[in-house]
């Protein structure tokens, strides 16, 4: 069974090899949508979901959208 634990922004940044600031900027720009946002505003991420979103962004960029 796949581990579906949601990651914090810092954990996701480490997994993806990018900074937390970059992730936060992508959210502000509307490029990424967190899997969940807690009542206190903390973002939680599913790695597979983020990888899918990034693939969609790259596909749009390569098609000139």
PDB file of N, CA and C in Angstrom:
ATOM      1  N   UNK A   1       0.839  -1.186   0.000  1.00  0.00           N
ATOM      2  CA  UNK A   1       0.000   0.000   0.000  1.00  0.00           C
ATOM      3  C   UNK A   1       0.881   1.246   0.000  1.00  0.00           C
ATOM      4  N   UNK A   2       0.479   2.252  -0.765  1.00  0.00           N
ATOM      5  CA  UNK A   2       1.243   3.497  -0.874  1.00  0.00           C
ATOM      6  C   UNK A   2       1.009   4.340   0.368  1.00  0.00           C
ATOM      7  N   UNK A   3       2.098   4.904   0.887  1.00  0.00           N
ATOM      8  CA  UNK A   3       1.992   5.800   2.039  1.00  0.00           C
ATOM      9  C   UNK A   3       1.401   7.123   1.582  1.00  0.00           C
ATOM     10  N   UNK A   4       0.246   7.479   2.093  1.00  0.00           N
ATOM     11  CA  UNK A   4      -0.455   8.698   1.684  1.00  0.00           C
ATOM     12  C   UNK A   4      -0.335   9.812   2.715  1.00  0.00           C
ATOM     13  N   UNK A   5       0.683   9.745   3.575  1.00  0.00           N
ATOM     14  CA  UNK A   5       0.876  10.784   4.575  1.00  0.00           C
ATOM     15  C   UNK A   5       1.108  12.114   3.886  1.00  0.00           C
ATOM     16  N   UNK A   6       0.451  13.135   4.412  1.00  0.00           N
ATOM     17  CA  UNK A   6       0.625  14.473   3.860  1.00  0.00           C
ATOM     18  C   UNK A   6       1.868  15.115   4.463  1.00  0.00           C
ATOM     19  N   UNK A   7       2.615  15.811   3.623  1.00  0.00           N
ATOM     20  CA  UNK A   7       3.866  16.440   4.041  1.00  0.00           C
ATOM     21  C   UNK A   7       3.660  17.915   4.322  1.00  0.00           C
ATOM     22  N   UNK A   8       4.495  18.446   5.198  1.00  0.00           N
ATOM     23  CA  UNK A   8       4.532  19.890   5.399  1.00  0.00           C
ATOM     24  C   UNK A   8       5.233  20.515   4.198  1.00  0.00           C
ATOM     25  N   UNK A   9       5.156  21.822   4.084  1.00  0.00           N
ATOM     26  CA  UNK A   9       5.820  22.522   2.985  1.00  0.00           C
ATOM     27  C   UNK A   9       7.324  22.287   3.035  1.00  0.00           C
ATOM     28  N   UNK A  10       7.910  22.319   4.229  1.00  0.00           N
ATOM     29  CA  UNK A  10       9.346  22.075   4.367  1.00  0.00           C
ATOM     30  C   UNK A  10       9.736  20.670   3.940  1.00  0.00           C
ATOM     31  N   UNK A  11       8.942  19.689   4.333  1.00  0.00           N
ATOM     32  CA  UNK A  11       9.219  18.297   3.945  1.00  0.00           C
ATOM     33  C   UNK A  11       9.110  18.123   2.435  1.00  0.00           C
ATOM     34  N   UNK A  12       8.079  18.727   1.846  1.00  0.00           N
ATOM     35  CA  UNK A  12       7.903  18.626   0.396  1.00  0.00           C
ATOM     36  C   UNK A  12       9.056  19.295  -0.337  1.00  0.00           C
ATOM     37  N   UNK A  13       9.459  20.456   0.136  1.00  0.00           N
ATOM     38  CA  UNK A  13      10.579  21.164  -0.488  1.00  0.00           C
ATOM     39  C   UNK A  13      11.823  20.284  -0.491  1.00  0.00           C
ATOM     40  N   UNK A  14      12.063  19.605   0.622  1.00  0.00           N
ATOM     41  CA  UNK A  14      13.226  18.717   0.705  1.00  0.00           C
ATOM     42  C   UNK A  14      13.113  17.569  -0.287  1.00  0.00           C
ATOM     43  N   UNK A  15      11.935  16.956  -0.380  1.00  0.00           N
ATOM     44  CA  UNK A  15      11.716  15.841  -1.308  1.00  0.00           C
ATOM     45  C   UNK A  15      11.935  16.288  -2.750  1.00  0.00           C
ATOM     46  N   UNK A  16      11.453  17.486  -3.086  1.00  0.00           N
ATOM     47  CA  UNK A  16      11.542  17.984  -4.459  1.00  0.00           C
ATOM     48  C   UNK A  16      12.872  18.670  -4.763  1.00  0.00           C
ATOM     49  N   UNK A  17      13.635  18.997  -3.729  1.00  0.00           N
ATOM     50  CA  UNK A  17      14.926  19.662  -3.935  1.00  0.00           C
ATOM     51  C   UNK A  17      14.789  21.132  -4.287  1.00  0.00           C
ATOM     52  N   UNK A  18      13.730  21.776  -3.776  1.00  0.00           N
ATOM     53  CA  UNK A  18      13.547  23.210  -3.985  1.00  0.00           C
ATOM     54  C   UNK A  18      13.283  23.867  -2.630  1.00  0.00           C
ATOM     55  N   UNK A  19      13.271  25.178  -2.597  1.00  0.00           N
ATOM     56  CA  UNK A  19      13.097  25.867  -1.314  1.00  0.00           C
ATOM     57  C   UNK A  19      11.611  25.994  -0.949  1.00  0.00           C
ATOM     58  N   UNK A  20      11.373  26.192   0.338  1.00  0.00           N
ATOM     59  CA  UNK A  20      10.000  26.450   0.800  1.00  0.00           C
ATOM     60  C   UNK A  20       9.471  27.728   0.173  1.00  0.00           C
ATOM     61  N   UNK A  21      10.343  28.708   0.028  1.00  0.00           N
ATOM     62  CA  UNK A  21       9.942  29.969  -0.588  1.00  0.00           C
ATOM     63  C   UNK A  21       9.444  29.788  -2.015  1.00  0.00           C
ATOM     64  N   UNK A  22      10.110  28.906  -2.757  1.00  0.00           N
ATOM     65  CA  UNK A  22       9.681  28.629  -4.131  1.00  0.00           C
ATOM     66  C   UNK A  22       8.295  28.003  -4.129  1.00  0.00           C
ATOM     67  N   UNK A  23       8.065  27.038  -3.252  1.00  0.00           N
ATOM     68  CA  UNK A  23       6.736  26.422  -3.155  1.00  0.00           C
ATOM     69  C   UNK A  23       5.680  27.458  -2.798  1.00  0.00           C
ATOM     70  N   UNK A  24       5.983  28.296  -1.820  1.00  0.00           N
ATOM     71  CA  UNK A  24       5.026  29.324  -1.412  1.00  0.00           C
ATOM     72  C   UNK A  24       4.740  30.303  -2.550  1.00  0.00           C
ATOM     73  N   UNK A  25       5.758  30.629  -3.324  1.00  0.00           N
ATOM     74  CA  UNK A  25       5.576  31.527  -4.464  1.00  0.00           C
ATOM     75  C   UNK A  25       4.674  30.872  -5.516  1.00  0.00           C
ATOM     76  N   UNK A  26       4.882  29.578  -5.776  1.00  0.00           N
ATOM     77  CA  UNK A  26       4.038  28.856  -6.731  1.00  0.00           C
ATOM     78  C   UNK A  26       2.575  28.866  -6.288  1.00  0.00           C
ATOM     79  N   UNK A  27       2.341  28.754  -4.980  1.00  0.00           N
ATOM     80  CA  UNK A  27       0.964  28.798  -4.467  1.00  0.00           C
ATOM     81  C   UNK A  27       0.380  30.197  -4.683  1.00  0.00           C
ATOM     82  N   UNK A  28       1.139  31.229  -4.326  1.00  0.00           N
ATOM     83  CA  UNK A  28       0.650  32.608  -4.498  1.00  0.00           C
ATOM     84  C   UNK A  28       0.338  32.916  -5.962  1.00  0.00           C
ATOM     85  N   UNK A  29       1.128  32.345  -6.876  1.00  0.00           N
ATOM     86  CA  UNK A  29       0.934  32.578  -8.305  1.00  0.00           C
ATOM     87  C   UNK A  29      -0.172  31.695  -8.882  1.00  0.00           C
ATOM     88  N   UNK A  30      -0.708  30.804  -8.063  1.00  0.00           N
ATOM     89  CA  UNK A  30      -1.777  29.923  -8.531  1.00  0.00           C
ATOM     90  C   UNK A  30      -1.296  28.733  -9.328  1.00  0.00           C
ATOM     91  N   UNK A  31       0.008  28.453  -9.275  1.00  0.00           N
ATOM     92  CA  UNK A  31       0.557  27.330 -10.037  1.00  0.00           C
ATOM     93  C   UNK A  31       0.369  25.994  -9.323  1.00  0.00           C
ATOM     94  N   UNK A  32       0.436  26.008  -7.998  1.00  0.00           N
ATOM     95  CA  UNK A  32       0.246  24.794  -7.204  1.00  0.00           C
ATOM     96  C   UNK A  32      -0.877  25.002  -6.208  1.00  0.00           C
ATOM     97  N   UNK A  33      -1.627  23.937  -5.974  1.00  0.00           N
ATOM     98  CA  UNK A  33      -2.705  23.962  -4.988  1.00  0.00           C
ATOM     99  C   UNK A  33      -2.394  22.889  -3.949  1.00  0.00           C
ATOM    100  N   UNK A  34      -2.300  23.262  -2.669  1.00  0.00           N
ATOM    101  CA  UNK A  34      -2.011  22.249  -1.644  1.00  0.00           C
ATOM    102  C   UNK A  34      -3.147  21.230  -1.551  1.00  0.00           C
ATOM    103  N   UNK A  35      -2.809  20.042  -1.141  1.00  0.00           N
ATOM    104  CA  UNK A  35      -3.802  18.989  -0.958  1.00  0.00           C
ATOM    105  C   UNK A  35      -4.781  19.379   0.133  1.00  0.00           C
ATOM    106  N   UNK A  36      -4.261  20.034   1.149  1.00  0.00           N
ATOM    107  CA  UNK A  36      -5.088  20.418   2.298  1.00  0.00           C
ATOM    108  C   UNK A  36      -4.471  21.658   2.947  1.00  0.00           C
ATOM    109  N   UNK A  37      -5.311  22.486   3.528  1.00  0.00           N
ATOM    110  CA  UNK A  37      -4.853  23.608   4.334  1.00  0.00           C
ATOM    111  C   UNK A  37      -5.515  23.486   5.701  1.00  0.00           C
ATOM    112  N   UNK A  38      -4.718  23.499   6.754  1.00  0.00           N
ATOM    113  CA  UNK A  38      -5.264  23.334   8.099  1.00  0.00           C
ATOM    114  C   UNK A  38      -6.036  24.585   8.502  1.00  0.00           C
ATOM    115  N   UNK A  39      -6.764  24.479   9.601  1.00  0.00           N
ATOM    116  CA  UNK A  39      -7.528  25.627  10.103  1.00  0.00           C
ATOM    117  C   UNK A  39      -6.620  26.821  10.410  1.00  0.00           C
ATOM    118  N   UNK A  40      -5.382  26.549  10.751  1.00  0.00           N
ATOM    119  CA  UNK A  40      -4.426  27.627  11.049  1.00  0.00           C
ATOM    120  C   UNK A  40      -3.647  28.089   9.821  1.00  0.00           C
ATOM    121  N   UNK A  41      -4.017  27.577   8.644  1.00  0.00           N
ATOM    122  CA  UNK A  41      -3.409  28.042   7.401  1.00  0.00           C
ATOM    123  C   UNK A  41      -2.161  27.307   6.960  1.00  0.00           C
ATOM    124  N   UNK A  42      -1.811  26.222   7.632  1.00  0.00           N
ATOM    125  CA  UNK A  42      -0.637  25.438   7.233  1.00  0.00           C
ATOM    126  C   UNK A  42      -0.998  24.543   6.057  1.00  0.00           C
ATOM    127  N   UNK A  43      -0.146  24.538   5.059  1.00  0.00           N
ATOM    128  CA  UNK A  43      -0.397  23.726   3.869  1.00  0.00           C
ATOM    129  C   UNK A  43       0.144  22.317   4.080  1.00  0.00           C
ATOM    130  N   UNK A  44      -0.602  21.354   3.572  1.00  0.00           N
ATOM    131  CA  UNK A  44      -0.182  19.952   3.599  1.00  0.00           C
ATOM    132  C   UNK A  44      -0.256  19.425   2.173  1.00  0.00           C
ATOM    133  N   UNK A  45       0.713  18.579   1.852  1.00  0.00           N
ATOM    134  CA  UNK A  45       0.905  18.173   0.463  1.00  0.00           C
ATOM    135  C   UNK A  45       0.989  16.655   0.306  1.00  0.00           C
ATOM    136  N   UNK A  46       0.387  16.156  -0.762  1.00  0.00           N
ATOM    137  CA  UNK A  46       0.561  14.771  -1.195  1.00  0.00           C
ATOM    138  C   UNK A  46       1.569  14.822  -2.342  1.00  0.00           C
ATOM    139  N   UNK A  47       2.660  14.099  -2.225  1.00  0.00           N
ATOM    140  CA  UNK A  47       3.754  14.192  -3.197  1.00  0.00           C
ATOM    141  C   UNK A  47       3.268  13.842  -4.607  1.00  0.00           C
ATOM    142  N   UNK A  48       2.489  12.776  -4.735  1.00  0.00           N
ATOM    143  CA  UNK A  48       2.014  12.371  -6.062  1.00  0.00           C
ATOM    144  C   UNK A  48       1.149  13.464  -6.693  1.00  0.00           C
ATOM    145  N   UNK A  49       0.318  14.109  -5.875  1.00  0.00           N
ATOM    146  CA  UNK A  49      -0.537  15.192  -6.365  1.00  0.00           C
ATOM    147  C   UNK A  49       0.308  16.365  -6.858  1.00  0.00           C
ATOM    148  N   UNK A  50       1.337  16.713  -6.119  1.00  0.00           N
ATOM    149  CA  UNK A  50       2.206  17.827  -6.522  1.00  0.00           C
ATOM    150  C   UNK A  50       2.961  17.474  -7.797  1.00  0.00           C
ATOM    151  N   UNK A  51       3.456  16.262  -7.893  1.00  0.00           N
ATOM    152  CA  UNK A  51       4.164  15.858  -9.121  1.00  0.00           C
ATOM    153  C   UNK A  51       3.238  15.917 -10.329  1.00  0.00           C
ATOM    154  N   UNK A  52       1.960  15.554 -10.144  1.00  0.00           N
ATOM    155  CA  UNK A  52       0.978  15.641 -11.223  1.00  0.00           C
ATOM    156  C   UNK A  52       0.781  17.101 -11.625  1.00  0.00           C
ATOM    157  N   UNK A  53       0.645  17.976 -10.632  1.00  0.00           N
ATOM    158  CA  UNK A  53       0.454  19.402 -10.920  1.00  0.00           C
ATOM    159  C   UNK A  53       1.658  19.981 -11.660  1.00  0.00           C
ATOM    160  N   UNK A  54       2.849  19.610 -11.242  1.00  0.00           N
ATOM    161  CA  UNK A  54       4.067  20.097 -11.904  1.00  0.00           C
ATOM    162  C   UNK A  54       4.126  19.596 -13.338  1.00  0.00           C
ATOM    163  N   UNK A  55       3.757  18.335 -13.564  1.00  0.00           N
ATOM    164  CA  UNK A  55       3.733  17.786 -14.927  1.00  0.00           C
ATOM    165  C   UNK A  55       2.749  18.556 -15.804  1.00  0.00           C
ATOM    166  N   UNK A  56       1.593  18.916 -15.245  1.00  0.00           N
ATOM    167  CA  UNK A  56       0.604  19.692 -15.995  1.00  0.00           C
ATOM    168  C   UNK A  56       1.139  21.088 -16.326  1.00  0.00           C
ATOM    169  N   UNK A  57       1.834  21.713 -15.379  1.00  0.00           N
ATOM    170  CA  UNK A  57       2.439  23.029 -15.619  1.00  0.00           C
ATOM    171  C   UNK A  57       3.438  22.934 -16.757  1.00  0.00           C
ATOM    172  N   UNK A  58       4.297  21.935 -16.713  1.00  0.00           N
ATOM    173  CA  UNK A  58       5.326  21.767 -17.760  1.00  0.00           C
ATOM    174  C   UNK A  58       4.695  21.499 -19.118  1.00  0.00           C
ATOM    175  N   UNK A  59       3.607  20.723 -19.117  1.00  0.00           N
ATOM    176  CA  UNK A  59       2.922  20.427 -20.371  1.00  0.00           C
ATOM    177  C   UNK A  59       2.326  21.708 -20.964  1.00  0.00           C
ATOM    178  N   UNK A  60       1.702  22.537 -20.122  1.00  0.00           N
ATOM    179  CA  UNK A  60       1.144  23.807 -20.598  1.00  0.00           C
ATOM    180  C   UNK A  60       2.244  24.713 -21.134  1.00  0.00           C
ATOM    181  N   UNK A  61       3.363  24.750 -20.408  1.00  0.00           N
ATOM    182  CA  UNK A  61       4.474  25.609 -20.848  1.00  0.00           C
ATOM    183  C   UNK A  61       5.021  25.150 -22.186  1.00  0.00           C
ATOM    184  N   UNK A  62       5.135  23.836 -22.371  1.00  0.00           N
ATOM    185  CA  UNK A  62       5.708  23.323 -23.635  1.00  0.00           C
ATOM    186  C   UNK A  62       4.752  23.498 -24.802  1.00  0.00           C
ATOM    187  N   UNK A  63       3.437  23.600 -24.522  1.00  0.00           N
ATOM    188  CA  UNK A  63       2.470  23.797 -25.596  1.00  0.00           C
ATOM    189  C   UNK A  63       2.218  25.290 -25.861  1.00  0.00           C
ATOM    190  N   UNK A  64       2.897  26.157 -25.110  1.00  0.00           N
ATOM    191  CA  UNK A  64       2.811  27.588 -25.351  1.00  0.00           C
ATOM    192  C   UNK A  64       1.636  28.279 -24.706  1.00  0.00           C
ATOM    193  N   UNK A  65       0.992  27.655 -23.744  1.00  0.00           N
ATOM    194  CA  UNK A  65      -0.147  28.293 -23.066  1.00  0.00           C
ATOM    195  C   UNK A  65       0.321  29.306 -22.057  1.00  0.00           C
TER     196      UNK A  65
END
